[in-house]
Amino acid sequence: MAGLVALLPVAAFAQGSISGVVKDTSGAVLPGVTVTMTQAQTGAVRSVVTDGEGAYLVSNLPPGPYRLEASLQGFRTYVQT
């Protein structure tokens, strides 16, 4: 089972957004990955699915620390806090 690598050029501001591209360990982009953001203090959850180029955007996020989880069947789940 291969691992996911979430590349995260992060931009998080008041009511900001987080975006990035999900790739596997060989560097290939992965469409169809579910990216879930969980706000650490409130437990609020937002999920999106990567597009055909492995890109995702989670917008209108309240400020605060988040847990990112990227999952796709056949791959190990990637988690970053």
N, C-alpha and C. Protein backbone atom coordinates (compact mmCIF):
# COMPACT_ATOMS: atom_id res chain seq x y z
N MET A 1 0.85 -1.16 0.00
CA MET A 1 0.00 0.00 0.00
C MET A 1 0.89 1.23 0.00
N ALA A 2 0.74 2.08 -0.97
CA ALA A 2 1.56 3.29 -1.09
C ALA A 2 1.05 4.37 -0.17
N GLY A 3 1.90 5.36 0.07
CA GLY A 3 1.52 6.47 0.93
C GLY A 3 1.14 7.70 0.14
N LEU A 4 0.31 8.52 0.73
CA LEU A 4 -0.06 9.81 0.16
C LEU A 4 0.89 10.87 0.69
N VAL A 5 1.18 11.85 -0.12
CA VAL A 5 1.95 13.00 0.31
C VAL A 5 1.12 14.22 -0.02
N ALA A 6 0.71 14.98 0.98
CA ALA A 6 -0.07 16.18 0.72
C ALA A 6 0.87 17.37 0.72
N LEU A 7 0.98 18.01 -0.41
CA LEU A 7 1.81 19.21 -0.51
C LEU A 7 0.91 20.40 -0.26
N LEU A 8 1.27 21.20 0.69
CA LEU A 8 0.37 22.20 1.22
C LEU A 8 0.94 23.59 1.18
N PRO A 9 0.84 24.30 0.06
CA PRO A 9 1.16 25.72 0.14
C PRO A 9 0.04 26.38 0.93
N VAL A 10 0.27 26.62 2.19
CA VAL A 10 -0.81 27.04 3.09
C VAL A 10 -0.97 28.55 3.12
N ALA A 11 -2.20 28.97 3.01
CA ALA A 11 -2.56 30.36 3.23
C ALA A 11 -3.77 30.36 4.14
N ALA A 12 -3.58 30.64 5.41
CA ALA A 12 -4.69 30.62 6.36
C ALA A 12 -4.78 31.99 7.03
N PHE A 13 -5.85 32.67 6.79
CA PHE A 13 -6.08 34.00 7.33
C PHE A 13 -7.44 33.99 8.02
N ALA A 14 -7.85 35.13 8.61
CA ALA A 14 -9.19 35.21 9.18
C ALA A 14 -10.16 34.87 8.06
N GLN A 15 -11.00 33.88 8.29
CA GLN A 15 -11.89 33.36 7.24
C GLN A 15 -11.09 33.11 5.97
N GLY A 16 -10.03 32.36 6.10
CA GLY A 16 -9.10 32.12 5.01
C GLY A 16 -9.33 30.80 4.31
N SER A 17 -8.29 30.36 3.63
CA SER A 17 -8.38 29.12 2.87
C SER A 17 -7.07 28.35 2.95
N ILE A 18 -7.18 27.08 2.67
CA ILE A 18 -6.01 26.20 2.60
C ILE A 18 -6.12 25.47 1.27
N SER A 19 -5.02 25.46 0.53
CA SER A 19 -5.03 24.78 -0.76
C SER A 19 -3.75 23.99 -0.92
N GLY A 20 -3.75 23.08 -1.87
CA GLY A 20 -2.56 22.29 -2.12
C GLY A 20 -2.77 21.28 -3.22
N VAL A 21 -1.78 20.44 -3.42
CA VAL A 21 -1.82 19.36 -4.41
C VAL A 21 -1.42 18.08 -3.70
N VAL A 22 -2.19 17.02 -3.91
CA VAL A 22 -1.88 15.73 -3.30
C VAL A 22 -1.15 14.86 -4.32
N LYS A 23 -0.01 14.32 -3.90
CA LYS A 23 0.80 13.45 -4.75
C LYS A 23 1.13 12.18 -4.01
N ASP A 24 1.45 11.12 -4.76
CA ASP A 24 1.93 9.91 -4.12
C ASP A 24 3.43 10.01 -3.91
N THR A 25 4.02 8.98 -3.34
CA THR A 25 5.44 9.04 -3.01
C THR A 25 6.35 9.11 -4.23
N SER A 26 5.83 8.76 -5.42
CA SER A 26 6.63 8.87 -6.65
C SER A 26 6.50 10.26 -7.28
N GLY A 27 5.60 11.10 -6.75
CA GLY A 27 5.41 12.44 -7.27
C GLY A 27 4.24 12.57 -8.23
N ALA A 28 3.51 11.49 -8.49
CA ALA A 28 2.34 11.55 -9.37
C ALA A 28 1.17 12.19 -8.63
N VAL A 29 0.43 13.08 -9.31
CA VAL A 29 -0.73 13.72 -8.70
C VAL A 29 -1.85 12.70 -8.56
N LEU A 30 -2.68 12.91 -7.56
CA LEU A 30 -3.76 11.97 -7.26
C LEU A 30 -5.12 12.64 -7.27
N PRO A 31 -5.92 12.42 -8.31
CA PRO A 31 -7.29 12.91 -8.30
C PRO A 31 -8.16 12.02 -7.41
N GLY A 32 -9.27 12.58 -6.92
CA GLY A 32 -10.22 11.79 -6.15
C GLY A 32 -9.88 11.55 -4.70
N VAL A 33 -8.88 12.26 -4.18
CA VAL A 33 -8.50 12.13 -2.77
C VAL A 33 -9.44 12.98 -1.92
N THR A 34 -9.96 12.40 -0.85
CA THR A 34 -10.77 13.17 0.09
C THR A 34 -9.83 13.86 1.07
N VAL A 35 -9.90 15.18 1.11
CA VAL A 35 -9.10 15.99 2.03
C VAL A 35 -10.06 16.55 3.08
N THR A 36 -9.80 16.22 4.33
CA THR A 36 -10.67 16.64 5.43
C THR A 36 -9.90 17.54 6.38
N MET A 37 -10.45 18.70 6.66
CA MET A 37 -9.88 19.64 7.61
C MET A 37 -10.76 19.63 8.86
N THR A 38 -10.13 19.40 10.02
CA THR A 38 -10.86 19.41 11.29
C THR A 38 -10.27 20.50 12.17
N GLN A 39 -11.09 21.45 12.57
CA GLN A 39 -10.65 22.56 13.42
C GLN A 39 -10.43 21.99 14.82
N ALA A 40 -9.20 22.12 15.33
CA ALA A 40 -8.80 21.47 16.58
C ALA A 40 -9.62 21.92 17.78
N GLN A 41 -9.97 23.17 17.86
CA GLN A 41 -10.64 23.68 19.05
C GLN A 41 -12.14 23.40 19.07
N THR A 42 -12.78 23.40 17.89
CA THR A 42 -14.24 23.25 17.84
C THR A 42 -14.69 21.89 17.33
N GLY A 43 -13.80 21.18 16.62
CA GLY A 43 -14.17 19.91 16.02
C GLY A 43 -14.93 20.06 14.72
N ALA A 44 -15.08 21.30 14.22
CA ALA A 44 -15.77 21.53 12.95
C ALA A 44 -15.00 20.85 11.82
N VAL A 45 -15.73 20.21 10.90
CA VAL A 45 -15.12 19.43 9.84
C VAL A 45 -15.55 19.96 8.48
N ARG A 46 -14.59 20.07 7.56
CA ARG A 46 -14.85 20.43 6.16
C ARG A 46 -14.10 19.45 5.29
N SER A 47 -14.76 18.92 4.26
CA SER A 47 -14.12 17.98 3.35
C SER A 47 -14.30 18.42 1.90
N VAL A 48 -13.27 18.16 1.10
CA VAL A 48 -13.31 18.40 -0.34
C VAL A 48 -12.63 17.20 -1.01
N VAL A 49 -12.79 17.10 -2.33
CA VAL A 49 -12.15 16.03 -3.10
C VAL A 49 -11.23 16.67 -4.12
N THR A 50 -10.02 16.12 -4.29
CA THR A 50 -9.07 16.68 -5.24
C THR A 50 -9.59 16.53 -6.67
N ASP A 51 -9.23 17.51 -7.50
CA ASP A 51 -9.65 17.51 -8.90
C ASP A 51 -8.74 16.61 -9.74
N GLY A 52 -8.88 16.66 -11.05
CA GLY A 52 -8.11 15.82 -11.95
C GLY A 52 -6.62 16.05 -11.91
N GLU A 53 -6.21 17.18 -11.35
CA GLU A 53 -4.78 17.51 -11.23
C GLU A 53 -4.29 17.36 -9.80
N GLY A 54 -5.10 16.73 -8.94
CA GLY A 54 -4.71 16.50 -7.56
C GLY A 54 -4.83 17.73 -6.66
N ALA A 55 -5.42 18.80 -7.17
CA ALA A 55 -5.51 20.06 -6.42
C ALA A 55 -6.79 20.11 -5.57
N TYR A 56 -6.69 20.83 -4.46
CA TYR A 56 -7.86 21.05 -3.61
C TYR A 56 -7.81 22.46 -3.05
N LEU A 57 -8.99 22.94 -2.63
CA LEU A 57 -9.13 24.25 -1.99
C LEU A 57 -10.23 24.13 -0.96
N VAL A 58 -9.89 24.46 0.29
CA VAL A 58 -10.88 24.53 1.36
C VAL A 58 -10.93 26.00 1.76
N SER A 59 -12.06 26.65 1.48
CA SER A 59 -12.15 28.09 1.71
C SER A 59 -13.10 28.42 2.86
N ASN A 60 -13.09 29.69 3.25
CA ASN A 60 -13.93 30.21 4.33
C ASN A 60 -13.72 29.48 5.65
N LEU A 61 -12.44 29.25 5.97
CA LEU A 61 -12.10 28.59 7.24
C LEU A 61 -11.91 29.63 8.35
N PRO A 62 -12.51 29.42 9.50
CA PRO A 62 -12.22 30.28 10.64
C PRO A 62 -10.76 30.10 11.06
N PRO A 63 -10.17 31.12 11.68
CA PRO A 63 -8.77 30.97 12.12
C PRO A 63 -8.65 29.92 13.20
N GLY A 64 -7.46 29.34 13.28
CA GLY A 64 -7.19 28.35 14.32
C GLY A 64 -6.39 27.19 13.78
N PRO A 65 -5.94 26.31 14.67
CA PRO A 65 -5.19 25.13 14.24
C PRO A 65 -6.12 24.08 13.64
N TYR A 66 -5.60 23.36 12.65
CA TYR A 66 -6.37 22.34 11.95
C TYR A 66 -5.60 21.03 11.87
N ARG A 67 -6.36 19.95 11.72
CA ARG A 67 -5.82 18.63 11.41
C ARG A 67 -6.24 18.33 9.98
N LEU A 68 -5.28 18.05 9.11
CA LEU A 68 -5.55 17.70 7.73
C LEU A 68 -5.42 16.19 7.58
N GLU A 69 -6.39 15.59 6.92
CA GLU A 69 -6.34 14.16 6.62
C GLU A 69 -6.64 13.98 5.14
N ALA A 70 -5.77 13.26 4.44
CA ALA A 70 -5.97 12.95 3.02
C ALA A 70 -6.10 11.45 2.88
N SER A 71 -7.20 10.99 2.26
CA SER A 71 -7.41 9.55 2.15
C SER A 71 -7.91 9.18 0.76
N LEU A 72 -7.44 8.02 0.30
CA LEU A 72 -7.83 7.46 -0.98
C LEU A 72 -7.69 5.95 -0.87
N GLN A 73 -8.71 5.23 -1.32
CA GLN A 73 -8.68 3.76 -1.23
C GLN A 73 -7.42 3.23 -1.92
N GLY A 74 -6.74 2.30 -1.26
CA GLY A 74 -5.52 1.70 -1.79
C GLY A 74 -4.26 2.40 -1.34
N PHE A 75 -4.41 3.51 -0.59
CA PHE A 75 -3.27 4.28 -0.10
C PHE A 75 -3.37 4.42 1.41
N ARG A 76 -2.24 4.54 2.08
CA ARG A 76 -2.25 4.87 3.50
C ARG A 76 -2.74 6.31 3.64
N THR A 77 -3.49 6.56 4.70
CA THR A 77 -3.99 7.90 4.97
C THR A 77 -2.87 8.79 5.46
N TYR A 78 -2.85 10.03 4.95
CA TYR A 78 -1.85 11.02 5.35
C TYR A 78 -2.52 11.95 6.36
N VAL A 79 -1.83 12.24 7.47
CA VAL A 79 -2.37 13.14 8.49
C VAL A 79 -1.30 14.16 8.86
N GLN A 80 -1.72 15.41 8.94
CA GLN A 80 -0.82 16.50 9.36
C GLN A 80 -1.59 17.43 10.27
N THR A 81 -0.96 17.83 11.40
CA THR A 81 -1.61 18.80 12.29
C THR A 81 -0.86 20.10 12.25
